[in-house]
Amino acid sequence: MHIKSLFAAAALGLSACALPSMAMADEVFDAPVATRQANETGLQTAIFAGGCFWGIEGIFSHTRGVTSAVSGYHGGTANTATYRQVVSGTTGHAESVRVTYDPSVIRYDQLLQILFSVGADPTLHNRQGPDRGPQYRAAIVPTTDEQRAVARAYVAQMERSGVWDRPMAVSIERYRTFYEAEDYHQDYMLKNPRAAYIVRWDAPKVEALEEMFPQFYRARFRTG
């Protein structure tokens, strides 16, 4: 299914969170609903990677049922978990967002649907929007066995759906340590709504969230 959006489909080799290119795609693809749901109660934690963490944090900070969205680094070690080192693409980290959510309001599979409908293209390898490198890979990091099972089923369903012309490139990674990013990265969209990158690449994702998922969209930006 196609929906109109400003979501970019081609990376042009710009650096992380750099000024955007004028190139854009006309459409973004909507992911199917997952075939199974996680059996979860109480607040849960999920980790997602999908390009520059500003936009992914912004999306989930506008998602009803999410109580916290924190930008950070996952996949590498503590001594290289800094922005200056991660943007080199050599540390093993991915720019990621740790999401705390209430499964009685929004389920894990619904978070995945939002991520791959408005946040990240699951067919792009080591790139999203204008950003290129392994630090911008699309990745799901389950924090429980049940989440892992749901994630596997969801990616398999996306592969079978026929919605995308390319094979899935999103990885399901083993949980390691999540390192919170520097303070100036937290709530970046809230603090910098007129920044060129935000206006061009990330604000349209939040607009698409409101259009596509009105039942989960909330206007007030919840910091976390």
Protein backbone atom coordinates (compact mmCIF):
# COMPACT_ATOMS: atom_id res chain seq x y z
CA MET A 1 0.00 0.00 0.00
CA HIS A 2 1.39 3.43 -0.91
CA ILE A 3 0.84 6.61 1.06
CA LYS A 4 2.01 10.10 0.14
CA SER A 5 4.83 11.36 2.32
CA LEU A 6 8.09 13.32 2.26
CA PHE A 7 9.96 10.28 3.57
CA ALA A 8 13.33 9.96 1.78
CA ALA A 9 14.22 6.70 0.05
CA ALA A 10 17.77 7.41 -1.10
CA ALA A 11 20.82 8.25 0.98
CA LEU A 12 23.17 10.73 -0.65
CA GLY A 13 26.27 10.23 1.45
CA LEU A 14 25.77 13.18 3.81
CA SER A 15 27.10 12.97 7.35
CA ALA A 16 24.97 12.19 10.38
CA CYS A 17 22.22 14.72 11.04
CA ALA A 18 23.76 16.98 8.39
CA LEU A 19 21.96 19.56 6.28
CA PRO A 20 19.58 17.65 4.01
CA SER A 21 19.71 17.18 0.30
CA MET A 22 16.83 18.37 -1.84
CA ALA A 23 16.26 14.86 -3.18
CA MET A 24 13.23 13.03 -1.86
CA ALA A 25 10.95 10.15 -2.72
CA ASP A 26 7.28 10.64 -3.42
CA GLU A 27 6.03 7.75 -1.36
CA VAL A 28 6.59 5.68 1.74
CA PHE A 29 5.32 2.18 2.30
CA ASP A 30 2.99 1.12 5.07
CA ALA A 31 3.97 -2.02 6.94
CA PRO A 32 1.41 -4.79 7.51
CA VAL A 33 -0.02 -5.59 10.91
CA ALA A 34 2.01 -8.23 12.72
CA THR A 35 0.83 -11.82 12.76
CA ARG A 36 1.42 -12.23 16.49
CA GLN A 37 1.49 -10.10 19.61
CA ALA A 38 3.80 -10.08 22.59
CA ASN A 39 2.23 -11.26 25.85
CA GLU A 40 3.29 -8.31 27.99
CA THR A 41 2.01 -6.60 31.13
CA GLY A 42 3.38 -3.58 32.95
CA LEU A 43 5.76 -1.04 31.43
CA GLN A 44 8.08 -2.58 28.85
CA THR A 45 11.28 -1.47 27.11
CA ALA A 46 12.03 -1.69 23.39
CA ILE A 47 15.05 -0.53 21.39
CA PHE A 48 14.82 0.52 17.75
CA ALA A 49 17.32 1.87 15.23
CA GLY A 50 16.30 3.56 12.01
CA GLY A 51 18.76 6.20 10.88
CA CYS A 52 19.37 9.45 12.74
CA PHE A 53 17.91 9.04 16.22
CA TRP A 54 16.39 12.54 16.28
CA GLY A 55 13.49 11.50 14.08
CA ILE A 56 12.87 8.09 15.67
CA GLU A 57 12.81 9.68 19.12
CA GLY A 58 10.48 12.37 17.80
CA ILE A 59 8.04 9.82 16.39
CA PHE A 60 7.80 7.79 19.57
CA SER A 61 7.65 10.88 21.76
CA HIS A 62 4.43 11.67 19.91
CA THR A 63 3.07 8.14 20.30
CA ARG A 64 0.33 7.47 22.83
CA GLY A 65 1.30 4.74 25.27
CA VAL A 66 5.01 5.61 25.14
CA THR A 67 6.18 7.03 28.47
CA SER A 68 9.82 7.65 27.53
CA ALA A 69 11.91 7.87 24.36
CA VAL A 70 15.65 8.27 24.83
CA SER A 71 18.28 8.64 22.11
CA GLY A 72 21.45 6.61 22.45
CA TYR A 73 23.89 4.09 21.04
CA HIS A 74 23.58 0.31 20.89
CA GLY A 75 25.80 -2.43 19.54
CA GLY A 76 29.27 -1.32 20.59
CA THR A 77 31.26 -0.81 23.75
CA ALA A 78 31.23 1.86 26.45
CA ASN A 79 34.56 3.44 25.51
CA THR A 80 33.31 4.34 22.01
CA ALA A 81 29.73 5.32 22.90
CA THR A 82 30.12 8.99 22.05
CA TYR A 83 28.66 10.87 19.12
CA ARG A 84 32.05 11.93 17.83
CA GLN A 85 33.17 8.30 17.63
CA VAL A 86 29.88 6.70 16.56
CA VAL A 87 29.52 8.94 13.49
CA SER A 88 32.77 7.44 12.16
CA GLY A 89 30.84 4.23 11.49
CA THR A 90 33.62 2.11 13.01
CA THR A 91 32.36 1.50 16.56
CA GLY A 92 29.63 -1.09 15.91
CA HIS A 93 26.99 1.14 17.46
CA ALA A 94 23.75 2.13 15.81
CA GLU A 95 22.02 5.39 16.61
CA SER A 96 19.08 3.97 18.55
CA VAL A 97 16.12 4.93 20.68
CA ARG A 98 15.09 3.23 23.91
CA VAL A 99 11.32 3.28 24.16
CA THR A 100 9.41 2.64 27.37
CA TYR A 101 5.77 1.83 26.68
CA ASP A 102 2.58 0.58 28.24
CA PRO A 103 1.40 -2.54 26.35
CA SER A 104 -2.14 -2.01 27.61
CA VAL A 105 -2.19 1.12 25.41
CA ILE A 106 0.11 0.19 22.52
CA ARG A 107 1.50 -3.25 21.73
CA TYR A 108 5.02 -4.13 20.62
CA ASP A 109 3.86 -5.15 17.14
CA GLN A 110 2.10 -1.79 16.79
CA LEU A 111 5.35 -0.01 17.66
CA LEU A 112 7.01 -2.01 14.89
CA GLN A 113 4.27 -1.04 12.48
CA ILE A 114 4.77 2.65 13.29
CA LEU A 115 8.55 2.35 12.96
CA PHE A 116 8.41 0.84 9.49
CA SER A 117 5.46 2.89 8.27
CA VAL A 118 6.73 6.39 9.03
CA GLY A 119 10.18 6.05 10.60
CA ALA A 120 12.50 3.86 8.58
CA ASP A 121 12.69 1.97 5.29
CA PRO A 122 13.42 -1.67 6.23
CA THR A 123 14.93 -2.43 2.81
CA LEU A 124 17.85 0.03 3.02
CA HIS A 125 21.21 -1.37 4.09
CA ASN A 126 23.27 0.87 6.38
CA ARG A 127 21.49 4.04 5.34
CA GLN A 128 18.34 6.04 5.92
CA GLY A 129 17.30 9.37 4.45
CA PRO A 130 20.43 11.46 3.79
CA ASP A 131 22.63 9.48 6.20
CA ARG A 132 24.91 6.60 5.25
CA GLY A 133 26.94 4.14 7.29
CA PRO A 134 26.42 1.19 9.64
CA GLN A 135 25.58 3.57 12.46
CA TYR A 136 22.37 4.35 10.55
CA ARG A 137 21.26 0.78 10.01
CA ALA A 138 17.67 -0.26 10.59
CA ALA A 139 17.60 -2.67 13.51
CA ILE A 140 15.21 -4.17 16.01
CA VAL A 141 16.73 -4.98 19.40
CA PRO A 142 14.33 -7.19 21.38
CA THR A 143 14.72 -7.02 25.14
CA THR A 144 12.73 -10.21 25.84
CA ASP A 145 12.30 -13.59 24.19
CA GLU A 146 8.68 -12.75 23.42
CA GLN A 147 9.68 -9.54 21.66
CA ARG A 148 12.24 -11.47 19.63
CA ALA A 149 9.60 -13.95 18.49
CA VAL A 150 7.25 -11.12 17.50
CA ALA A 151 10.05 -9.27 15.69
CA ARG A 152 10.99 -12.35 13.68
CA ALA A 153 7.36 -12.95 12.73
CA TYR A 154 6.92 -9.32 11.80
CA VAL A 155 9.98 -9.11 9.55
CA ALA A 156 8.97 -12.38 7.88
CA GLN A 157 5.50 -11.00 7.28
CA MET A 158 6.93 -7.82 5.74
CA GLU A 159 9.09 -9.98 3.46
CA ARG A 160 6.09 -12.01 2.33
CA SER A 161 3.76 -9.06 1.94
CA GLY A 162 4.92 -7.98 -1.51
CA VAL A 163 4.70 -4.34 -0.42
CA TRP A 164 8.39 -3.66 -1.00
CA ASP A 165 10.30 -4.15 -4.24
CA ARG A 166 13.53 -4.97 -2.39
CA PRO A 167 14.29 -7.63 0.23
CA MET A 168 14.31 -6.78 3.90
CA ALA A 169 17.60 -5.35 5.19
CA VAL A 170 16.49 -4.71 8.77
CA SER A 171 18.40 -6.78 11.33
CA ILE A 172 17.20 -8.30 14.59
CA GLU A 173 20.10 -7.83 16.97
CA ARG A 174 20.99 -9.34 20.31
CA TYR A 175 20.57 -6.91 23.18
CA ARG A 176 23.81 -5.55 24.52
CA THR A 177 24.14 -2.33 26.50
CA PHE A 178 22.25 0.81 25.56
CA TYR A 179 24.25 3.97 26.14
CA GLU A 180 22.33 7.23 26.42
CA ALA A 181 23.44 9.90 23.97
CA GLU A 182 24.70 13.29 25.02
CA ASP A 183 22.17 15.72 26.52
CA TYR A 184 22.01 17.93 23.44
CA HIS A 185 20.63 15.00 21.40
CA GLN A 186 17.74 14.36 23.79
CA ASP A 187 14.40 15.88 22.68
CA TYR A 188 16.23 17.38 19.73
CA MET A 189 13.07 17.97 17.68
CA LEU A 190 11.42 19.73 20.60
CA LYS A 191 14.41 21.97 21.22
CA ASN A 192 15.20 22.67 17.55
CA PRO A 193 11.93 22.68 15.57
CA ARG A 194 13.31 25.06 12.94
CA ALA A 195 16.59 23.23 12.33
CA ALA A 196 16.99 22.52 8.62
CA TYR A 197 17.41 18.78 9.12
CA ILE A 198 14.34 18.53 11.35
CA VAL A 199 12.13 20.55 9.00
CA ARG A 200 13.25 18.61 5.94
CA TRP A 201 13.56 15.04 7.19
CA ASP A 202 11.96 14.46 10.58
CA ALA A 203 8.95 16.74 11.00
CA PRO A 204 7.26 15.03 7.99
CA LYS A 205 7.58 11.71 9.81
CA VAL A 206 5.63 13.04 12.78
CA GLU A 207 3.05 14.49 10.40
CA ALA A 208 2.74 11.06 8.77
CA LEU A 209 2.27 9.50 12.21
CA GLU A 210 -0.66 11.82 12.86
CA GLU A 211 -2.16 11.07 9.44
CA MET A 212 -1.68 7.31 9.46
CA PHE A 213 -2.14 6.48 13.15
CA PRO A 214 -4.51 9.08 14.64
CA GLN A 215 -5.47 6.59 17.35
CA PHE A 216 -1.87 6.64 18.62
CA TYR A 217 -0.82 10.20 17.86
CA ARG A 218 -0.61 12.76 20.63
CA ALA A 219 0.07 16.42 20.04
CA ARG A 220 2.00 17.12 23.21
CA PHE A 221 5.62 16.11 22.96
CA ARG A 222 6.41 13.86 25.94
CA THR A 223 10.03 14.27 26.98
CA GLY A 224 11.88 11.32 28.39
